[in-house]
C-alpha atoms as a PDB file:
ATOM      1  CA  UNK A   1      -6.117 -15.601   5.459  1.00  0.00           C
ATOM      2  CA  UNK A   2      -3.196 -17.391   3.814  1.00  0.00           C
ATOM      3  CA  UNK A   3      -5.037 -20.658   3.249  1.00  0.00           C
ATOM      4  CA  UNK A   4      -8.478 -19.281   2.348  1.00  0.00           C
ATOM      5  CA  UNK A   5      -7.836 -15.963   0.671  1.00  0.00           C
ATOM      6  CA  UNK A   6      -4.338 -15.539  -0.761  1.00  0.00           C
ATOM      7  CA  UNK A   7      -3.421 -17.260  -3.991  1.00  0.00           C
ATOM      8  CA  UNK A   8      -0.219 -19.277  -4.394  1.00  0.00           C
ATOM      9  CA  UNK A   9       1.302 -16.473  -6.457  1.00  0.00           C
ATOM     10  CA  UNK A  10       3.817 -13.703  -5.710  1.00  0.00           C
ATOM     11  CA  UNK A  11       2.626 -11.033  -3.278  1.00  0.00           C
ATOM     12  CA  UNK A  12       4.019  -7.820  -1.902  1.00  0.00           C
ATOM     13  CA  UNK A  13       3.432  -5.939   1.309  1.00  0.00           C
ATOM     14  CA  UNK A  14       2.710  -2.259   0.778  1.00  0.00           C
ATOM     15  CA  UNK A  15       2.589   0.233   3.617  1.00  0.00           C
ATOM     16  CA  UNK A  16       1.162   3.728   3.121  1.00  0.00           C
ATOM     17  CA  UNK A  17       1.757   6.389   5.782  1.00  0.00           C
ATOM     18  CA  UNK A  18       0.338   9.873   6.212  1.00  0.00           C
ATOM     19  CA  UNK A  19       1.755  13.154   7.530  1.00  0.00           C
ATOM     20  CA  UNK A  20       1.034  14.118  11.124  1.00  0.00           C
ATOM     21  CA  UNK A  21      -1.167  17.024  10.035  1.00  0.00           C
ATOM     22  CA  UNK A  22      -3.684  14.555   8.505  1.00  0.00           C
ATOM     23  CA  UNK A  23      -3.621  11.868  11.199  1.00  0.00           C
ATOM     24  CA  UNK A  24      -6.123  13.672  13.423  1.00  0.00           C
ATOM     25  CA  UNK A  25      -8.839  13.120  10.803  1.00  0.00           C
ATOM     26  CA  UNK A  26      -8.433   9.348  11.073  1.00  0.00           C
ATOM     27  CA  UNK A  27      -8.814   9.525  14.835  1.00  0.00           C
ATOM     28  CA  UNK A  28     -12.080  11.460  14.417  1.00  0.00           C
ATOM     29  CA  UNK A  29     -13.582   9.485  11.531  1.00  0.00           C
ATOM     30  CA  UNK A  30     -12.724   5.792  11.118  1.00  0.00           C
ATOM     31  CA  UNK A  31     -14.735   5.683   7.856  1.00  0.00           C
ATOM     32  CA  UNK A  32     -11.825   7.453   6.179  1.00  0.00           C
ATOM     33  CA  UNK A  33      -9.857   4.205   6.305  1.00  0.00           C
ATOM     34  CA  UNK A  34     -12.395   2.451   4.094  1.00  0.00           C
ATOM     35  CA  UNK A  35     -12.560   5.283   1.590  1.00  0.00           C
ATOM     36  CA  UNK A  36      -8.793   5.644   1.425  1.00  0.00           C
ATOM     37  CA  UNK A  37      -8.294   1.869   1.168  1.00  0.00           C
ATOM     38  CA  UNK A  38     -10.447   1.884  -1.966  1.00  0.00           C
ATOM     39  CA  UNK A  39      -8.446   4.795  -3.393  1.00  0.00           C
ATOM     40  CA  UNK A  40      -5.159   3.042  -2.667  1.00  0.00           C
ATOM     41  CA  UNK A  41      -6.384  -0.163  -4.307  1.00  0.00           C
ATOM     42  CA  UNK A  42      -7.507   1.720  -7.444  1.00  0.00           C
ATOM     43  CA  UNK A  43      -4.190   3.562  -7.505  1.00  0.00           C
ATOM     44  CA  UNK A  44      -2.205   0.298  -7.439  1.00  0.00           C
ATOM     45  CA  UNK A  45      -4.560  -1.202 -10.007  1.00  0.00           C
ATOM     46  CA  UNK A  46      -3.779   1.694 -12.389  1.00  0.00           C
ATOM     47  CA  UNK A  47      -0.043   1.219 -11.872  1.00  0.00           C
ATOM     48  CA  UNK A  48      -0.348  -2.516 -12.562  1.00  0.00           C
ATOM     49  CA  UNK A  49      -2.361  -1.879 -15.730  1.00  0.00           C
ATOM     50  CA  UNK A  50       0.250   0.593 -16.931  1.00  0.00           C
ATOM     51  CA  UNK A  51       3.146  -1.758 -16.124  1.00  0.00           C
ATOM     52  CA  UNK A  52       1.414  -4.732 -17.770  1.00  0.00           C
ATOM     53  CA  UNK A  53       0.512  -2.727 -20.848  1.00  0.00           C
ATOM     54  CA  UNK A  54      -3.056  -3.985 -20.618  1.00  0.00           C
ATOM     55  CA  UNK A  55      -5.980  -4.166 -18.249  1.00  0.00           C
ATOM     56  CA  UNK A  56      -5.505  -6.747 -15.513  1.00  0.00           C
ATOM     57  CA  UNK A  57      -7.494  -7.473 -12.365  1.00  0.00           C
ATOM     58  CA  UNK A  58      -5.489  -7.647  -9.168  1.00  0.00           C
ATOM     59  CA  UNK A  59      -6.373  -8.342  -5.544  1.00  0.00           C
ATOM     60  CA  UNK A  60      -5.403  -7.015  -2.135  1.00  0.00           C
ATOM     61  CA  UNK A  61      -6.153  -7.210   1.550  1.00  0.00           C
ATOM     62  CA  UNK A  62      -5.779  -3.800   3.189  1.00  0.00           C
ATOM     63  CA  UNK A  63      -5.946  -3.116   6.907  1.00  0.00           C
ATOM     64  CA  UNK A  64      -5.168  -0.115   9.058  1.00  0.00           C
ATOM     65  CA  UNK A  65      -3.259   0.186  12.277  1.00  0.00           C
ATOM     66  CA  UNK A  66      -3.923   3.135  14.514  1.00  0.00           C
ATOM     67  CA  UNK A  67      -1.046   2.771  16.935  1.00  0.00           C
ATOM     68  CA  UNK A  68       2.643   3.192  16.288  1.00  0.00           C
ATOM     69  CA  UNK A  69       5.767   2.944  18.371  1.00  0.00           C
ATOM     70  CA  UNK A  70       5.307   4.273  21.918  1.00  0.00           C
ATOM     71  CA  UNK A  71       1.521   4.338  21.327  1.00  0.00           C
ATOM     72  CA  UNK A  72       1.684   7.539  19.272  1.00  0.00           C
ATOM     73  CA  UNK A  73      -1.295   7.752  16.972  1.00  0.00           C
ATOM     74  CA  UNK A  74      -0.082   6.697  13.546  1.00  0.00           C
ATOM     75  CA  UNK A  75      -2.664   5.376  11.069  1.00  0.00           C
ATOM     76  CA  UNK A  76      -0.792   3.633   8.244  1.00  0.00           C
ATOM     77  CA  UNK A  77      -2.471   1.299   5.787  1.00  0.00           C
ATOM     78  CA  UNK A  78      -0.875  -2.143   5.474  1.00  0.00           C
ATOM     79  CA  UNK A  79      -1.712  -4.248   2.471  1.00  0.00           C
ATOM     80  CA  UNK A  80      -0.928  -7.593   0.965  1.00  0.00           C
ATOM     81  CA  UNK A  81      -1.162  -7.069  -2.775  1.00  0.00           C
ATOM     82  CA  UNK A  82      -1.051  -9.708  -5.439  1.00  0.00           C
ATOM     83  CA  UNK A  83       2.058  -8.839  -7.429  1.00  0.00           C
ATOM     84  CA  UNK A  84       0.238  -8.471 -10.725  1.00  0.00           C
ATOM     85  CA  UNK A  85      -3.160  -9.597 -11.871  1.00  0.00           C
ATOM     86  CA  UNK A  86      -5.218 -11.613 -14.301  1.00  0.00           C
ATOM     87  CA  UNK A  87      -5.935 -10.566 -17.879  1.00  0.00           C
ATOM     88  CA  UNK A  88      -9.218 -11.184 -19.724  1.00  0.00           C
ATOM     89  CA  UNK A  89      -8.092 -14.658 -20.728  1.00  0.00           C
ATOM     90  CA  UNK A  90      -7.455 -15.580 -17.096  1.00  0.00           C
ATOM     91  CA  UNK A  91      -3.667 -15.594 -17.427  1.00  0.00           C
ATOM     92  CA  UNK A  92      -1.663 -14.246 -14.518  1.00  0.00           C
ATOM     93  CA  UNK A  93       0.502 -11.257 -15.477  1.00  0.00           C
ATOM     94  CA  UNK A  94       3.368 -10.792 -13.030  1.00  0.00           C
ATOM     95  CA  UNK A  95       4.303  -7.176 -12.271  1.00  0.00           C
ATOM     96  CA  UNK A  96       7.496  -7.556 -10.235  1.00  0.00           C
ATOM     97  CA  UNK A  97       8.295  -3.887  -9.790  1.00  0.00           C
ATOM     98  CA  UNK A  98       6.687  -0.476  -9.635  1.00  0.00           C
ATOM     99  CA  UNK A  99       8.240   2.965  -9.952  1.00  0.00           C
ATOM    100  CA  UNK A 100       8.394   3.926  -6.265  1.00  0.00           C
ATOM    101  CA  UNK A 101       9.089   7.620  -6.875  1.00  0.00           C
ATOM    102  CA  UNK A 102       6.162   7.924  -9.281  1.00  0.00           C
ATOM    103  CA  UNK A 103       3.891   5.909  -6.981  1.00  0.00           C
ATOM    104  CA  UNK A 104       4.844   8.023  -3.948  1.00  0.00           C
ATOM    105  CA  UNK A 105       4.126  11.251  -5.816  1.00  0.00           C
ATOM    106  CA  UNK A 106       0.796   9.898  -7.067  1.00  0.00           C
ATOM    107  CA  UNK A 107      -0.122   8.733  -3.548  1.00  0.00           C
ATOM    108  CA  UNK A 108       0.620  12.181  -2.125  1.00  0.00           C
ATOM    109  CA  UNK A 109      -1.356  14.071  -4.773  1.00  0.00           C
ATOM    110  CA  UNK A 110      -4.284  11.614  -4.592  1.00  0.00           C
ATOM    111  CA  UNK A 111      -4.491  11.896  -0.809  1.00  0.00           C
ATOM    112  CA  UNK A 112      -4.270  15.698  -0.851  1.00  0.00           C
ATOM    113  CA  UNK A 113      -7.065  15.812  -3.430  1.00  0.00           C
ATOM    114  CA  UNK A 114      -9.119  13.446  -1.251  1.00  0.00           C
ATOM    115  CA  UNK A 115      -8.780  15.657   1.845  1.00  0.00           C
ATOM    116  CA  UNK A 116      -9.416  18.832  -0.187  1.00  0.00           C
ATOM    117  CA  UNK A 117     -12.587  17.386  -1.725  1.00  0.00           C
ATOM    118  CA  UNK A 118     -13.944  16.660   1.729  1.00  0.00           C
ATOM    119  CA  UNK A 119     -12.944  20.164   2.872  1.00  0.00           C
ATOM    120  CA  UNK A 120     -10.858  18.690   5.688  1.00  0.00           C
ATOM    121  CA  UNK A 121      -7.916  20.824   4.573  1.00  0.00           C
ATOM    122  CA  UNK A 122      -7.858  24.103   2.682  1.00  0.00           C
ATOM    123  CA  UNK A 123      -6.244  24.936  -0.666  1.00  0.00           C
ATOM    124  CA  UNK A 124      -3.299  26.672   0.974  1.00  0.00           C
ATOM    125  CA  UNK A 125      -2.355  23.644   3.064  1.00  0.00           C
ATOM    126  CA  UNK A 126      -2.881  21.365   0.069  1.00  0.00           C
ATOM    127  CA  UNK A 127      -0.505  23.440  -2.078  1.00  0.00           C
ATOM    128  CA  UNK A 128       2.028  23.577   0.732  1.00  0.00           C
ATOM    129  CA  UNK A 129       1.908  19.818   1.205  1.00  0.00           C
ATOM    130  CA  UNK A 130       2.592  19.280  -2.488  1.00  0.00           C
ATOM    131  CA  UNK A 131       5.728  21.395  -2.152  1.00  0.00           C
ATOM    132  CA  UNK A 132       7.075  19.850   1.061  1.00  0.00           C
ATOM    133  CA  UNK A 133      10.529  18.406   0.513  1.00  0.00           C
ATOM    134  CA  UNK A 134       9.906  15.714   3.132  1.00  0.00           C
ATOM    135  CA  UNK A 135       6.186  15.227   2.652  1.00  0.00           C
ATOM    136  CA  UNK A 136       5.688  12.583   5.363  1.00  0.00           C
ATOM    137  CA  UNK A 137       3.596  10.645   2.864  1.00  0.00           C
ATOM    138  CA  UNK A 138       5.427   7.412   2.299  1.00  0.00           C
ATOM    139  CA  UNK A 139       5.037   4.173   0.424  1.00  0.00           C
ATOM    140  CA  UNK A 140       7.044   1.095   1.354  1.00  0.00           C
ATOM    141  CA  UNK A 141       7.203  -1.703  -1.198  1.00  0.00           C
ATOM    142  CA  UNK A 142      10.257  -3.451   0.191  1.00  0.00           C
ATOM    143  CA  UNK A 143       8.752  -6.781   1.284  1.00  0.00           C
ATOM    144  CA  UNK A 144       8.148  -9.262  -1.510  1.00  0.00           C
ATOM    145  CA  UNK A 145       6.825 -12.772  -1.042  1.00  0.00           C
ATOM    146  CA  UNK A 146       7.611 -15.468  -3.580  1.00  0.00           C
ATOM    147  CA  UNK A 147       4.777 -17.697  -4.774  1.00  0.00           C
ATOM    148  CA  UNK A 148       6.333 -20.766  -3.153  1.00  0.00           C
ATOM    149  CA  UNK A 149       6.796 -19.117   0.245  1.00  0.00           C
ATOM    150  CA  UNK A 150       3.727 -20.201   2.185  1.00  0.00           C
ATOM    151  CA  UNK A 151       5.436 -19.469   5.526  1.00  0.00           C
ATOM    152  CA  UNK A 152       6.165 -15.866   4.525  1.00  0.00           C
ATOM    153  CA  UNK A 153       2.575 -15.354   3.315  1.00  0.00           C
ATOM    154  CA  UNK A 154       1.297 -16.794   6.588  1.00  0.00           C
ATOM    155  CA  UNK A 155       3.560 -14.569   8.691  1.00  0.00           C
ATOM    156  CA  UNK A 156       2.548 -11.444   6.774  1.00  0.00           C
ATOM    157  CA  UNK A 157      -1.129 -12.421   6.988  1.00  0.00           C
ATOM    158  CA  UNK A 158      -0.850 -12.752  10.750  1.00  0.00           C
ATOM    159  CA  UNK A 159       1.011  -9.450  11.031  1.00  0.00           C
ATOM    160  CA  UNK A 160      -1.606  -7.551   9.040  1.00  0.00           C
ATOM    161  CA  UNK A 161      -4.585  -9.240  10.729  1.00  0.00           C
ATOM    162  CA  UNK A 162      -3.328  -8.825  14.295  1.00  0.00           C
ATOM    163  CA  UNK A 163      -5.375  -6.442  16.407  1.00  0.00           C
ATOM    164  CA  UNK A 164      -3.453  -3.256  17.141  1.00  0.00           C
ATOM    165  CA  UNK A 165      -6.056  -0.569  16.697  1.00  0.00           C
ATOM    166  CA  UNK A 166      -7.156   1.879  19.309  1.00  0.00           C
END
């Protein structure tokens, strides 16, 4: 993945986790991962466009893992995201930071809307989840990879691509 897919530009690992109440749906329907991966990518793309002040095209590799510590079912999405994107002239626009609080809130509301639209949860649960103090939706943006760090890109690529699904 590192040599054939990832560009020699800054990247960031992003991990998106879901509350326990929603995890059962992933166990029953693996297609949800694909749909949610697309939503997550579009969500990050919007944040990058806003941060750049113009429309840019980014890239990402997103994979899911359906096992957590002690083999408890935990379906987070792991992604390697280009840290920015290319404008219409083909220039790379670096977006070194995102507002984590705003992104986390947007992730939660987007995912609740997704599950409501598919009638997998009802309005009452959706409203309650929006009000939860500890929502169990989380976004981790802590791992950044510098453009020159081929070893770090390779290690993250191997971590994300390793089979760990059940």
